[in-house]
């Protein structure tokens, strides 16, 4: 993850967007306080859908069943 302040983001938005499209994540700060994250669309959609969380829970259940045996 890269950090960037709002002023720098304004001056380099095209380059930052290319990096985000390539998979980079940016933490955007204003007055040294984090205010937002720029993440690739697919990563955002996965995080709000809970797909990865559900997969993780399924894996944990499988592991727990093996331990119980």
PDB file of N, CA and C in Angstrom:
ATOM      1  N   UNK A   1       0.851  -1.173   0.000  1.00  0.00           N
ATOM      2  CA  UNK A   1       0.000   0.000   0.000  1.00  0.00           C
ATOM      3  C   UNK A   1       0.896   1.234   0.000  1.00  0.00           C
ATOM      4  N   UNK A   2       0.496   2.189  -0.800  1.00  0.00           N
ATOM      5  CA  UNK A   2       1.219   3.454  -0.872  1.00  0.00           C
ATOM      6  C   UNK A   2       0.400   4.540  -0.181  1.00  0.00           C
ATOM      7  N   UNK A   3       1.094   5.519   0.358  1.00  0.00           N
ATOM      8  CA  UNK A   3       0.434   6.681   0.968  1.00  0.00           C
ATOM      9  C   UNK A   3       0.585   7.873   0.040  1.00  0.00           C
ATOM     10  N   UNK A   4      -0.465   8.674  -0.020  1.00  0.00           N
ATOM     11  CA  UNK A   4      -0.430   9.867  -0.855  1.00  0.00           C
ATOM     12  C   UNK A   4      -1.308  10.933  -0.206  1.00  0.00           C
ATOM     13  N   UNK A   5      -0.869  12.193  -0.272  1.00  0.00           N
ATOM     14  CA  UNK A   5      -1.718  13.248   0.275  1.00  0.00           C
ATOM     15  C   UNK A   5      -2.594  13.822  -0.838  1.00  0.00           C
ATOM     16  N   UNK A   6      -3.614  14.536  -0.455  1.00  0.00           N
ATOM     17  CA  UNK A   6      -4.602  15.042  -1.416  1.00  0.00           C
ATOM     18  C   UNK A   6      -3.946  15.925  -2.481  1.00  0.00           C
ATOM     19  N   UNK A   7      -3.031  16.791  -2.079  1.00  0.00           N
ATOM     20  CA  UNK A   7      -2.395  17.678  -3.061  1.00  0.00           C
ATOM     21  C   UNK A   7      -1.602  16.881  -4.088  1.00  0.00           C
ATOM     22  N   UNK A   8      -0.851  15.893  -3.620  1.00  0.00           N
ATOM     23  CA  UNK A   8      -0.081  15.064  -4.537  1.00  0.00           C
ATOM     24  C   UNK A   8      -1.016  14.271  -5.459  1.00  0.00           C
ATOM     25  N   UNK A   9      -2.113  13.784  -4.905  1.00  0.00           N
ATOM     26  CA  UNK A   9      -3.093  13.048  -5.698  1.00  0.00           C
ATOM     27  C   UNK A   9      -3.652  13.924  -6.815  1.00  0.00           C
ATOM     28  N   UNK A  10      -3.976  15.172  -6.499  1.00  0.00           N
ATOM     29  CA  UNK A  10      -4.500  16.084  -7.510  1.00  0.00           C
ATOM     30  C   UNK A  10      -3.508  16.286  -8.645  1.00  0.00           C
ATOM     31  N   UNK A  11      -2.231  16.333  -8.312  1.00  0.00           N
ATOM     32  CA  UNK A  11      -1.200  16.584  -9.325  1.00  0.00           C
ATOM     33  C   UNK A  11      -0.829  15.345 -10.130  1.00  0.00           C
ATOM     34  N   UNK A  12      -1.142  14.157  -9.609  1.00  0.00           N
ATOM     35  CA  UNK A  12      -0.705  12.934 -10.279  1.00  0.00           C
ATOM     36  C   UNK A  12      -1.841  11.942 -10.484  1.00  0.00           C
ATOM     37  N   UNK A  13      -3.059  12.429 -10.586  1.00  0.00           N
ATOM     38  CA  UNK A  13      -4.228  11.546 -10.621  1.00  0.00           C
ATOM     39  C   UNK A  13      -4.170  10.509 -11.746  1.00  0.00           C
ATOM     40  N   UNK A  14      -3.705  10.883 -12.913  1.00  0.00           N
ATOM     41  CA  UNK A  14      -3.655   9.924 -14.029  1.00  0.00           C
ATOM     42  C   UNK A  14      -2.709   8.773 -13.721  1.00  0.00           C
ATOM     43  N   UNK A  15      -1.532   9.092 -13.210  1.00  0.00           N
ATOM     44  CA  UNK A  15      -0.568   8.048 -12.867  1.00  0.00           C
ATOM     45  C   UNK A  15      -1.091   7.172 -11.733  1.00  0.00           C
ATOM     46  N   UNK A  16      -1.675   7.780 -10.721  1.00  0.00           N
ATOM     47  CA  UNK A  16      -2.218   7.022  -9.588  1.00  0.00           C
ATOM     48  C   UNK A  16      -3.314   6.077 -10.075  1.00  0.00           C
ATOM     49  N   UNK A  17      -4.193   6.543 -10.935  1.00  0.00           N
ATOM     50  CA  UNK A  17      -5.271   5.697 -11.439  1.00  0.00           C
ATOM     51  C   UNK A  17      -4.722   4.521 -12.242  1.00  0.00           C
ATOM     52  N   UNK A  18      -3.662   4.737 -13.007  1.00  0.00           N
ATOM     53  CA  UNK A  18      -3.032   3.631 -13.732  1.00  0.00           C
ATOM     54  C   UNK A  18      -2.497   2.590 -12.750  1.00  0.00           C
ATOM     55  N   UNK A  19      -1.898   3.066 -11.664  1.00  0.00           N
ATOM     56  CA  UNK A  19      -1.366   2.152 -10.655  1.00  0.00           C
ATOM     57  C   UNK A  19      -2.488   1.383  -9.964  1.00  0.00           C
ATOM     58  N   UNK A  20      -3.584   2.061  -9.670  1.00  0.00           N
ATOM     59  CA  UNK A  20      -4.732   1.389  -9.046  1.00  0.00           C
ATOM     60  C   UNK A  20      -5.278   0.329 -10.007  1.00  0.00           C
ATOM     61  N   UNK A  21      -5.378   0.658 -11.275  1.00  0.00           N
ATOM     62  CA  UNK A  21      -5.843  -0.314 -12.269  1.00  0.00           C
ATOM     63  C   UNK A  21      -4.928  -1.529 -12.325  1.00  0.00           C
ATOM     64  N   UNK A  22      -3.656  -1.334 -11.994  1.00  0.00           N
ATOM     65  CA  UNK A  22      -2.683  -2.434 -11.993  1.00  0.00           C
ATOM     66  C   UNK A  22      -2.682  -3.208 -10.680  1.00  0.00           C
ATOM     67  N   UNK A  23      -3.505  -2.795  -9.712  1.00  0.00           N
ATOM     68  CA  UNK A  23      -3.619  -3.527  -8.465  1.00  0.00           C
ATOM     69  C   UNK A  23      -3.097  -2.823  -7.226  1.00  0.00           C
ATOM     70  N   UNK A  24      -2.513  -1.643  -7.386  1.00  0.00           N
ATOM     71  CA  UNK A  24      -1.967  -0.915  -6.229  1.00  0.00           C
ATOM     72  C   UNK A  24      -3.095  -0.318  -5.391  1.00  0.00           C
ATOM     73  N   UNK A  25      -2.864  -0.216  -4.096  1.00  0.00           N
ATOM     74  CA  UNK A  25      -3.809   0.412  -3.166  1.00  0.00           C
ATOM     75  C   UNK A  25      -3.143   1.660  -2.595  1.00  0.00           C
ATOM     76  N   UNK A  26      -3.897   2.745  -2.507  1.00  0.00           N
ATOM     77  CA  UNK A  26      -3.392   3.999  -1.966  1.00  0.00           C
ATOM     78  C   UNK A  26      -4.215   4.404  -0.753  1.00  0.00           C
ATOM     79  N   UNK A  27      -3.522   4.865   0.279  1.00  0.00           N
ATOM     80  CA  UNK A  27      -4.171   5.507   1.415  1.00  0.00           C
ATOM     81  C   UNK A  27      -4.039   7.007   1.179  1.00  0.00           C
ATOM     82  N   UNK A  28      -5.155   7.703   1.106  1.00  0.00           N
ATOM     83  CA  UNK A  28      -5.159   9.138   0.828  1.00  0.00           C
ATOM     84  C   UNK A  28      -5.312   9.901   2.137  1.00  0.00           C
ATOM     85  N   UNK A  29      -4.413  10.855   2.358  1.00  0.00           N
ATOM     86  CA  UNK A  29      -4.423  11.632   3.604  1.00  0.00           C
ATOM     87  C   UNK A  29      -4.653  13.107   3.330  1.00  0.00           C
ATOM     88  N   UNK A  30      -5.295  13.742   4.296  1.00  0.00           N
ATOM     89  CA  UNK A  30      -5.450  15.193   4.285  1.00  0.00           C
ATOM     90  C   UNK A  30      -4.957  15.674   5.647  1.00  0.00           C
ATOM     91  N   UNK A  31      -4.008  16.599   5.626  1.00  0.00           N
ATOM     92  CA  UNK A  31      -3.398  17.111   6.851  1.00  0.00           C
ATOM     93  C   UNK A  31      -2.865  15.953   7.720  1.00  0.00           C
ATOM     94  N   UNK A  32      -2.213  15.014   7.074  1.00  0.00           N
ATOM     95  CA  UNK A  32      -1.583  13.846   7.718  1.00  0.00           C
ATOM     96  C   UNK A  32      -2.578  12.873   8.353  1.00  0.00           C
ATOM     97  N   UNK A  33      -3.857  13.035   8.075  1.00  0.00           N
ATOM     98  CA  UNK A  33      -4.877  12.138   8.602  1.00  0.00           C
ATOM     99  C   UNK A  33      -5.466  11.317   7.452  1.00  0.00           C
ATOM    100  N   UNK A  34      -5.417   9.985   7.542  1.00  0.00           N
ATOM    101  CA  UNK A  34      -6.014   9.161   6.480  1.00  0.00           C
ATOM    102  C   UNK A  34      -7.510   9.430   6.356  1.00  0.00           C
ATOM    103  N   UNK A  35      -7.956   9.657   5.107  1.00  0.00           N
ATOM    104  CA  UNK A  35      -9.370   9.949   4.882  1.00  0.00           C
ATOM    105  C   UNK A  35     -10.028   9.010   3.879  1.00  0.00           C
ATOM    106  N   UNK A  36      -9.223   8.288   3.084  1.00  0.00           N
ATOM    107  CA  UNK A  36      -9.812   7.429   2.057  1.00  0.00           C
ATOM    108  C   UNK A  36      -8.785   6.422   1.560  1.00  0.00           C
ATOM    109  N   UNK A  37      -9.304   5.407   0.876  1.00  0.00           N
ATOM    110  CA  UNK A  37      -8.457   4.423   0.214  1.00  0.00           C
ATOM    111  C   UNK A  37      -8.873   4.323  -1.238  1.00  0.00           C
ATOM    112  N   UNK A  38      -7.899   4.246  -2.110  1.00  0.00           N
ATOM    113  CA  UNK A  38      -8.159   3.974  -3.519  1.00  0.00           C
ATOM    114  C   UNK A  38      -7.757   2.526  -3.750  1.00  0.00           C
ATOM    115  N   UNK A  39      -8.736   1.710  -4.113  1.00  0.00           N
ATOM    116  CA  UNK A  39      -8.478   0.288  -4.333  1.00  0.00           C
ATOM    117  C   UNK A  39      -9.034  -0.114  -5.693  1.00  0.00           C
ATOM    118  N   UNK A  40      -8.460  -1.146  -6.302  1.00  0.00           N
ATOM    119  CA  UNK A  40      -9.013  -1.622  -7.572  1.00  0.00           C
ATOM    120  C   UNK A  40     -10.477  -2.031  -7.406  1.00  0.00           C
ATOM    121  N   UNK A  41     -11.253  -1.831  -8.445  1.00  0.00           N
ATOM    122  CA  UNK A  41     -12.687  -2.109  -8.416  1.00  0.00           C
ATOM    123  C   UNK A  41     -12.979  -3.544  -7.977  1.00  0.00           C
ATOM    124  N   UNK A  42     -12.259  -4.501  -8.526  1.00  0.00           N
ATOM    125  CA  UNK A  42     -12.493  -5.907  -8.189  1.00  0.00           C
ATOM    126  C   UNK A  42     -12.243  -6.174  -6.698  1.00  0.00           C
ATOM    127  N   UNK A  43     -11.186  -5.584  -6.168  1.00  0.00           N
ATOM    128  CA  UNK A  43     -10.884  -5.761  -4.740  1.00  0.00           C
ATOM    129  C   UNK A  43     -11.984  -5.162  -3.873  1.00  0.00           C
ATOM    130  N   UNK A  44     -12.476  -3.996  -4.254  1.00  0.00           N
ATOM    131  CA  UNK A  44     -13.572  -3.361  -3.512  1.00  0.00           C
ATOM    132  C   UNK A  44     -14.818  -4.237  -3.551  1.00  0.00           C
ATOM    133  N   UNK A  45     -15.174  -4.719  -4.747  1.00  0.00           N
ATOM    134  CA  UNK A  45     -16.380  -5.539  -4.886  1.00  0.00           C
ATOM    135  C   UNK A  45     -16.258  -6.833  -4.087  1.00  0.00           C
ATOM    136  N   UNK A  46     -15.075  -7.438  -4.083  1.00  0.00           N
ATOM    137  CA  UNK A  46     -14.870  -8.653  -3.290  1.00  0.00           C
ATOM    138  C   UNK A  46     -15.009  -8.371  -1.805  1.00  0.00           C
ATOM    139  N   UNK A  47     -14.498  -7.240  -1.367  1.00  0.00           N
ATOM    140  CA  UNK A  47     -14.540  -6.935   0.066  1.00  0.00           C
ATOM    141  C   UNK A  47     -15.960  -6.657   0.548  1.00  0.00           C
ATOM    142  N   UNK A  48     -16.775  -5.991  -0.255  1.00  0.00           N
ATOM    143  CA  UNK A  48     -18.134  -5.693   0.205  1.00  0.00           C
ATOM    144  C   UNK A  48     -19.083  -6.867   0.000  1.00  0.00           C
ATOM    145  N   UNK A  49     -18.732  -7.786  -0.890  1.00  0.00           N
ATOM    146  CA  UNK A  49     -19.611  -8.933  -1.129  1.00  0.00           C
ATOM    147  C   UNK A  49     -19.462  -9.999  -0.063  1.00  0.00           C
ATOM    148  N   UNK A  50     -18.305 -10.019   0.604  1.00  0.00           N
ATOM    149  CA  UNK A  50     -18.065 -11.034   1.621  1.00  0.00           C
ATOM    150  C   UNK A  50     -17.614 -12.366   1.052  1.00  0.00           C
ATOM    151  N   UNK A  51     -17.338 -12.431  -0.248  1.00  0.00           N
ATOM    152  CA  UNK A  51     -16.944 -13.680  -0.896  1.00  0.00           C
ATOM    153  C   UNK A  51     -15.722 -14.286  -0.220  1.00  0.00           C
ATOM    154  N   UNK A  52     -14.703 -13.503   0.000  1.00  0.00           N
ATOM    155  CA  UNK A  52     -13.484 -14.026   0.617  1.00  0.00           C
ATOM    156  C   UNK A  52     -13.730 -14.447   2.052  1.00  0.00           C
ATOM    157  N   UNK A  53     -14.568 -13.724   2.748  1.00  0.00           N
ATOM    158  CA  UNK A  53     -14.890 -14.056   4.137  1.00  0.00           C
ATOM    159  C   UNK A  53     -15.619 -15.391   4.188  1.00  0.00           C
ATOM    160  N   UNK A  54     -16.572 -15.587   3.298  1.00  0.00           N
ATOM    161  CA  UNK A  54     -17.308 -16.852   3.258  1.00  0.00           C
ATOM    162  C   UNK A  54     -16.381 -18.016   2.950  1.00  0.00           C
ATOM    163  N   UNK A  55     -15.467 -17.812   2.017  1.00  0.00           N
ATOM    164  CA  UNK A  55     -14.501 -18.851   1.658  1.00  0.00           C
ATOM    165  C   UNK A  55     -13.628 -19.194   2.859  1.00  0.00           C
ATOM    166  N   UNK A  56     -13.180 -18.183   3.568  1.00  0.00           N
ATOM    167  CA  UNK A  56     -12.356 -18.393   4.755  1.00  0.00           C
ATOM    168  C   UNK A  56     -13.124 -19.197   5.803  1.00  0.00           C
ATOM    169  N   UNK A  57     -14.371 -18.860   6.034  1.00  0.00           N
ATOM    170  CA  UNK A  57     -15.186 -19.592   7.006  1.00  0.00           C
ATOM    171  C   UNK A  57     -15.382 -21.047   6.594  1.00  0.00           C
ATOM    172  N   UNK A  58     -15.598 -21.277   5.302  1.00  0.00           N
ATOM    173  CA  UNK A  58     -15.734 -22.644   4.812  1.00  0.00           C
ATOM    174  C   UNK A  58     -14.453 -23.430   5.078  1.00  0.00           C
ATOM    175  N   UNK A  59     -13.315 -22.819   4.809  1.00  0.00           N
ATOM    176  CA  UNK A  59     -12.034 -23.481   5.049  1.00  0.00           C
ATOM    177  C   UNK A  59     -11.841 -23.784   6.530  1.00  0.00           C
ATOM    178  N   UNK A  60     -12.197 -22.841   7.393  1.00  0.00           N
ATOM    179  CA  UNK A  60     -12.065 -23.059   8.834  1.00  0.00           C
ATOM    180  C   UNK A  60     -12.965 -24.201   9.309  1.00  0.00           C
ATOM    181  N   UNK A  61     -14.169 -24.281   8.751  1.00  0.00           N
ATOM    182  CA  UNK A  61     -15.078 -25.370   9.118  1.00  0.00           C
ATOM    183  C   UNK A  61     -14.497 -26.721   8.711  1.00  0.00           C
ATOM    184  N   UNK A  62     -13.893 -26.782   7.520  1.00  0.00           N
ATOM    185  CA  UNK A  62     -13.265 -28.023   7.057  1.00  0.00           C
ATOM    186  C   UNK A  62     -12.121 -28.423   7.982  1.00  0.00           C
ATOM    187  N   UNK A  63     -11.333 -27.461   8.385  1.00  0.00           N
ATOM    188  CA  UNK A  63     -10.218 -27.739   9.294  1.00  0.00           C
ATOM    189  C   UNK A  63     -10.740 -28.225  10.636  1.00  0.00           C
ATOM    190  N   UNK A  64     -11.781 -27.571  11.149  1.00  0.00           N
ATOM    191  CA  UNK A  64     -12.358 -27.954  12.439  1.00  0.00           C
ATOM    192  C   UNK A  64     -12.902 -29.378  12.392  1.00  0.00           C
ATOM    193  N   UNK A  65     -13.535 -29.769  11.288  1.00  0.00           N
ATOM    194  CA  UNK A  65     -14.071 -31.126  11.150  1.00  0.00           C
ATOM    195  C   UNK A  65     -12.947 -32.151  11.171  1.00  0.00           C
ATOM    196  N   UNK A  66     -11.817 -31.823  10.523  1.00  0.00           N
ATOM    197  CA  UNK A  66     -10.677 -32.745  10.515  1.00  0.00           C
ATOM    198  C   UNK A  66     -10.106 -32.906  11.909  1.00  0.00           C
ATOM    199  N   UNK A  67     -10.080 -31.827  12.680  1.00  0.00           N
ATOM    200  CA  UNK A  67      -9.535 -31.866  14.036  1.00  0.00           C
ATOM    201  C   UNK A  67     -10.434 -32.702  14.945  1.00  0.00           C
ATOM    202  N   UNK A  68     -11.755 -32.607  14.752  1.00  0.00           N
ATOM    203  CA  UNK A  68     -12.718 -33.334  15.577  1.00  0.00           C
ATOM    204  C   UNK A  68     -12.592 -34.841  15.397  1.00  0.00           C
ATOM    205  N   UNK A  69     -12.146 -35.285  14.239  1.00  0.00           N
ATOM    206  CA  UNK A  69     -12.073 -36.713  13.935  1.00  0.00           C
ATOM    207  C   UNK A  69     -10.984 -37.351  14.650  1.00  0.00           C
TER     208      UNK A  69
END
